[in-house]
Protein backbone atom coordinates (compact mmCIF):
# COMPACT_ATOMS: atom_id res chain seq x y z
CA MET A 1 -0.10 -0.27 -0.04
CA SER A 2 1.36 3.23 -0.98
CA ALA A 3 1.27 6.42 0.96
CA THR A 4 1.72 10.14 1.08
CA PHE A 5 4.33 11.95 3.18
CA HIS A 6 4.29 15.59 4.00
CA TRP A 7 7.50 16.80 5.59
CA GLN A 8 9.51 19.78 6.71
CA ALA A 9 13.21 19.80 7.63
CA SER A 10 16.07 22.39 8.72
CA SER A 11 19.53 22.69 10.27
CA THR A 12 20.34 26.00 12.45
CA SER A 13 24.06 26.15 13.54
CA GLY A 14 24.68 26.46 17.23
CA THR A 15 26.02 29.36 19.00
CA LYS A 16 29.23 27.71 20.48
CA LYS A 17 31.01 27.41 17.35
CA PRO A 18 30.98 28.78 13.73
CA GLU A 19 30.21 25.54 11.53
CA ASN A 20 27.36 23.68 11.64
CA ASP A 21 28.36 19.87 11.73
CA ASP A 22 24.76 18.66 11.01
CA SER A 23 23.44 17.23 7.58
CA TRP A 24 20.39 15.96 6.57
CA VAL A 25 18.84 14.72 3.36
CA VAL A 26 15.54 13.85 1.87
CA PHE A 27 15.45 11.69 -1.44
CA SER A 28 13.39 9.06 -3.65
CA ALA A 29 14.89 5.98 -4.90
CA GLY A 30 13.38 3.58 -7.30
CA MET A 31 13.71 1.58 -10.39
CA THR A 32 13.73 4.73 -12.37
CA GLY A 33 16.31 6.61 -10.59
CA SER A 34 16.79 8.64 -7.48
CA GLU A 35 16.08 12.36 -6.79
CA ASN A 36 16.94 14.78 -3.81
CA LEU A 37 14.03 16.48 -2.48
CA PRO A 38 13.48 19.99 -1.01
CA PRO A 39 13.32 21.07 2.70
CA GLU A 40 9.46 20.64 2.48
CA GLY A 41 7.15 18.85 0.48
CA ALA A 42 4.71 16.08 -0.22
CA PHE A 43 5.44 12.88 -1.83
CA ASN A 44 3.68 9.36 -2.68
CA ASN A 45 5.90 6.24 -2.73
CA ALA A 46 3.71 4.47 -5.10
CA ASP A 47 6.48 4.27 -7.59
CA LYS A 48 9.45 5.05 -5.54
CA ASP A 49 10.49 4.70 -2.17
CA ILE A 50 11.18 7.77 0.14
CA ILE A 51 14.17 8.20 2.43
CA PHE A 52 14.83 10.60 5.29
CA ALA A 53 18.28 10.91 7.20
CA VAL A 54 19.98 13.15 9.71
CA SER A 55 23.86 12.93 10.65
CA ASP A 56 25.60 14.87 13.53
CA GLY A 57 29.33 15.31 12.71
CA MET A 58 32.20 15.32 15.13
CA GLY A 59 35.85 16.20 14.85
CA GLY A 60 38.15 19.14 14.86
CA GLY A 61 38.24 21.98 12.10
CA ASN A 62 35.62 21.08 9.49
CA ALA A 63 35.97 17.51 10.00
CA GLY A 64 32.71 17.21 11.70
CA TYR A 65 30.69 18.79 8.87
CA LEU A 66 32.74 16.59 6.34
CA ALA A 67 31.99 13.41 8.01
CA SER A 68 28.17 13.91 8.36
CA SER A 69 27.96 15.18 4.78
CA LEU A 70 30.00 12.43 3.32
CA ILE A 71 27.64 9.84 5.38
CA LEU A 72 24.43 11.25 3.66
CA GLU A 73 26.22 11.35 0.01
CA ASN A 74 27.29 7.69 0.45
CA ILE A 75 23.85 6.59 1.59
CA SER A 76 22.16 8.58 -1.29
CA SER A 77 24.52 6.69 -3.63
CA ILE A 78 24.24 3.39 -2.16
CA ILE A 79 20.46 2.98 -1.68
CA PRO A 80 19.71 3.57 -5.33
CA LYS A 81 21.95 0.55 -6.14
CA THR A 82 19.49 -1.74 -4.59
CA PHE A 83 16.98 -1.15 -7.05
CA LYS A 84 19.28 -1.79 -9.86
CA ALA A 85 20.08 -4.96 -8.36
CA ALA A 86 16.31 -5.74 -8.29
CA ALA A 87 15.90 -4.82 -12.09
CA GLN A 88 18.51 -7.48 -12.63
CA GLY A 89 16.59 -10.15 -10.87
CA PHE A 90 17.91 -10.14 -7.45
CA HIS A 91 15.65 -9.33 -4.52
CA PRO A 92 18.11 -8.11 -1.94
CA ASP A 93 17.06 -7.93 1.67
CA TYR A 94 16.56 -4.23 3.03
CA LEU A 95 17.89 -4.85 6.59
CA GLU A 96 20.91 -6.80 5.11
CA GLN A 97 21.46 -4.07 2.55
CA LEU A 98 21.26 -1.14 5.14
CA GLU A 99 24.02 -3.19 7.45
CA ILE A 100 26.29 -3.53 4.37
CA ALA A 101 25.73 0.09 3.48
CA ILE A 102 26.61 1.34 6.71
CA GLU A 103 29.76 -0.77 7.05
CA LYS A 104 30.92 0.47 3.78
CA ILE A 105 30.37 4.09 4.84
CA HIS A 106 32.28 3.45 8.04
CA GLU A 107 35.42 2.25 6.25
CA ALA A 108 34.89 5.08 3.95
CA ILE A 109 34.89 7.65 6.62
CA ASN A 110 37.87 6.12 8.48
CA ALA A 111 39.95 6.09 5.13
CA ALA A 112 38.92 9.58 4.41
CA GLY A 113 40.00 10.74 8.01
CA GLU A 114 43.61 8.76 7.47
CA LYS A 115 44.32 10.75 4.23
CA ASN A 116 44.46 14.28 5.94
CA GLN A 117 45.64 14.63 9.37
CA ALA A 118 43.37 17.52 10.05
CA HIS A 119 40.68 15.10 9.67
CA LYS A 120 41.66 12.13 11.44
CA GLY A 121 39.00 10.70 13.76
CA MET A 122 36.28 12.42 12.12
CA GLY A 123 33.03 10.72 12.56
CA ALA A 124 29.23 11.23 12.78
CA THR A 125 25.87 9.76 13.89
CA LEU A 126 23.43 8.32 11.33
CA THR A 127 19.63 8.26 11.71
CA LEU A 128 17.86 6.93 8.89
CA ALA A 129 14.23 6.46 7.87
CA TRP A 130 13.50 4.32 4.35
CA PHE A 131 9.86 4.16 3.79
CA THR A 132 8.76 1.49 1.21
CA PRO A 133 5.09 0.71 0.28
CA GLU A 134 5.50 -2.25 2.96
CA ASN A 135 7.43 -0.75 5.93
CA LEU A 136 9.57 1.77 7.48
CA TYR A 137 13.40 0.54 7.68
CA LEU A 138 15.52 2.01 10.54
CA ALA A 139 19.07 2.22 10.20
CA HIS A 140 20.54 4.26 13.39
CA VAL A 141 23.92 4.80 14.85
CA GLY A 142 24.82 7.19 17.54
CA ASP A 143 22.53 9.53 19.46
CA SER A 144 20.46 11.32 16.55
CA ARG A 145 16.75 10.24 17.23
CA LEU A 146 13.91 8.89 15.34
CA TYR A 147 10.33 9.37 17.35
CA LEU A 148 7.04 7.96 16.10
CA HIS A 149 3.76 9.58 17.23
CA ARG A 150 0.55 7.34 16.94
CA ASN A 151 -2.67 7.44 18.69
CA GLY A 152 -1.77 9.97 21.18
CA GLU A 153 1.53 7.98 22.20
CA THR A 154 5.00 9.27 21.50
CA VAL A 155 8.03 6.78 21.58
CA GLN A 156 11.45 6.88 20.61
CA LEU A 157 12.17 3.93 18.29
CA SER A 158 16.00 4.69 18.02
CA GLN A 159 18.27 3.80 20.70
CA ASP A 160 21.00 6.11 21.73
CA HIS A 161 24.37 4.20 21.67
CA SER A 162 25.50 5.40 25.14
CA PHE A 163 25.80 3.97 28.58
CA VAL A 164 24.19 7.15 30.27
CA TRP A 165 21.00 6.77 27.83
CA LYS A 166 20.65 2.88 29.12
CA LYS A 167 20.70 3.77 32.44
CA LEU A 168 17.90 6.55 31.93
CA GLN A 169 16.02 3.55 30.02
CA ARG A 170 16.43 1.23 33.13
CA ALA A 171 15.11 3.88 35.39
CA GLU A 172 18.31 4.10 36.96
CA ILE A 173 18.42 7.86 36.64
CA SER A 174 15.92 10.40 35.89
CA GLU A 175 15.60 12.57 32.59
CA TYR A 176 17.04 15.48 34.35
CA GLN A 177 19.92 13.40 35.99
CA TYR A 178 20.51 12.20 32.11
CA ARG A 179 20.35 15.76 30.70
CA ASN A 180 23.16 16.69 33.52
CA HIS A 181 25.44 13.90 33.10
CA PRO A 182 28.87 14.63 32.58
CA ARG A 183 28.99 11.73 29.96
CA LYS A 184 25.64 12.10 28.42
CA ALA A 185 27.29 13.01 24.97
CA ALA A 186 30.14 9.76 25.39
CA LEU A 187 28.88 7.50 22.46
CA ASN A 188 30.05 3.68 22.02
CA GLN A 189 28.90 3.51 18.39
CA VAL A 190 29.51 6.12 15.78
CA VAL A 191 30.12 6.09 12.12
CA GLY A 192 33.89 6.58 11.34
CA ALA A 193 36.02 8.11 14.28
CA GLY A 194 38.52 5.74 13.73
CA HIS A 195 36.78 2.58 15.40
CA ARG A 196 37.27 -0.55 14.11
CA SER A 197 33.64 -1.40 13.70
CA VAL A 198 30.25 -0.26 13.60
CA LYS A 199 27.34 -1.95 15.01
CA PRO A 200 24.17 -0.29 13.94
CA GLN A 201 20.48 -0.42 15.20
CA ILE A 202 18.51 -2.00 12.21
CA ALA A 203 14.80 -2.59 12.32
CA ALA A 204 11.90 -3.22 10.22
CA ILE A 205 8.53 -1.13 11.60
CA PRO A 206 5.28 -1.16 10.10
CA TYR A 207 3.66 2.43 9.54
CA LEU A 208 0.24 3.55 9.50
CA PRO A 209 -1.81 6.35 7.98
CA GLY A 210 -1.80 9.08 10.62
CA ASP A 211 1.59 8.42 12.06
CA GLN A 212 3.85 11.19 12.88
CA PHE A 213 7.71 10.99 12.80
CA MET A 214 10.56 13.19 13.82
CA LEU A 215 14.46 12.69 13.05
CA CYS A 216 16.56 15.09 14.93
CA SER A 217 20.04 15.61 16.20
CA ASP A 218 20.86 15.81 19.97
CA GLY A 219 21.15 19.84 19.53
CA ILE A 220 17.04 19.62 19.36
CA ILE A 221 17.15 17.15 22.59
CA ASP A 222 19.27 19.64 24.63
CA GLY A 223 16.56 22.21 24.31
CA VAL A 224 13.48 20.22 24.49
CA TRP A 225 12.05 17.59 27.16
CA GLU A 226 10.09 14.50 26.18
CA LYS A 227 6.83 16.26 27.36
CA HIS A 228 7.55 18.98 24.80
CA ILE A 229 7.77 16.69 21.94
CA HIS A 230 4.63 15.01 22.95
CA SER A 231 2.74 17.91 23.42
CA ALA A 232 3.96 19.53 20.17
CA PHE A 233 2.59 16.38 18.49
CA THR A 234 -0.55 16.03 20.13
CA LYS A 235 -1.62 19.83 19.59
CA HIS A 236 -0.63 20.01 16.10
CA SER A 237 -1.13 16.47 14.83
CA GLN A 238 -2.20 17.32 11.40
CA GLU A 239 0.65 19.94 10.57
CA PRO A 240 4.07 18.76 10.40
CA SER A 241 5.40 22.43 9.87
CA ILE A 242 3.69 23.52 13.01
CA ILE A 243 5.27 20.70 14.96
CA HIS A 244 8.41 21.67 13.53
CA GLN A 245 8.38 25.27 14.20
CA THR A 246 7.09 24.63 17.62
CA ILE A 247 9.78 22.40 18.43
CA LEU A 248 12.52 24.33 17.06
CA GLU A 249 11.63 27.33 18.53
CA ARG A 250 11.52 25.67 22.02
CA ALA A 251 14.76 24.19 21.46
CA LEU A 252 16.44 27.38 20.51
CA GLU A 253 14.85 29.15 23.22
CA ASN A 254 16.19 26.75 26.00
CA ASP A 255 19.48 26.06 24.58
CA GLY A 256 20.66 26.58 21.08
CA THR A 257 24.55 25.93 21.64
CA ASP A 258 24.56 22.80 19.53
CA ASP A 259 23.40 22.69 16.18
CA THR A 260 19.60 21.70 15.81
CA THR A 261 18.65 19.57 12.96
CA MET A 262 15.32 17.86 12.40
CA ILE A 263 12.80 16.29 9.89
CA THR A 264 9.23 16.24 11.11
CA LEU A 265 6.61 14.14 8.72
CA ARG A 266 3.16 13.06 8.70
CA VAL A 267 1.85 10.17 6.67
CA THR A 268 -1.27 10.06 5.05
């Protein structure tokens, strides 16, 4: 069953540094090719899949932005190849293809870092939502996030790859303690950064008409609490652009030191 997706995307530089290390992409992919899509729009996936992704880069100089942009450039190149294989009679598994793709990108980011001493150790997070007519396929590394709002409930589908987040999920610490923990940003999984391997969270998740989603970098989370995200979805359930603006304005007002990147979308 195909669906129509309405979305809004944006990225705002933080106040603590001059460069914006975040990147985002929205693109379609299918048998007839792929196409990058604008920051706001509507798209029906009857003939092509639609993919949303956010990446938060890390590293000195411009290495953070380079890492995040390279990751999204690579994912925009690799995913369409899945359809070329299908056209030749192969039927690749989406979950397997995403895992292979992230492993390749991980190796490419590390190789790029080794070529330039100024970029050594660069890396980035990745949160990707790939919508086919059948399922949402999630690929995730790091602490950027994917939220789902459905039937009045808001849940985080992605899992932050940090020890402190796991303590929060086990109710060993409160959300306040999590936000103020000195090791909140210490990640045990990242794309690149000189790590020998990467273990992404990969999942297939059915989606329904009326579902709302948000992909975001941790700069958004620094400025809003979980209750604020839920409230924005609940009050403005039919308008991705208003949800987007409501959450973004609160995040910037409450913090805004880190880069803030988000994509909000609604399925009809």
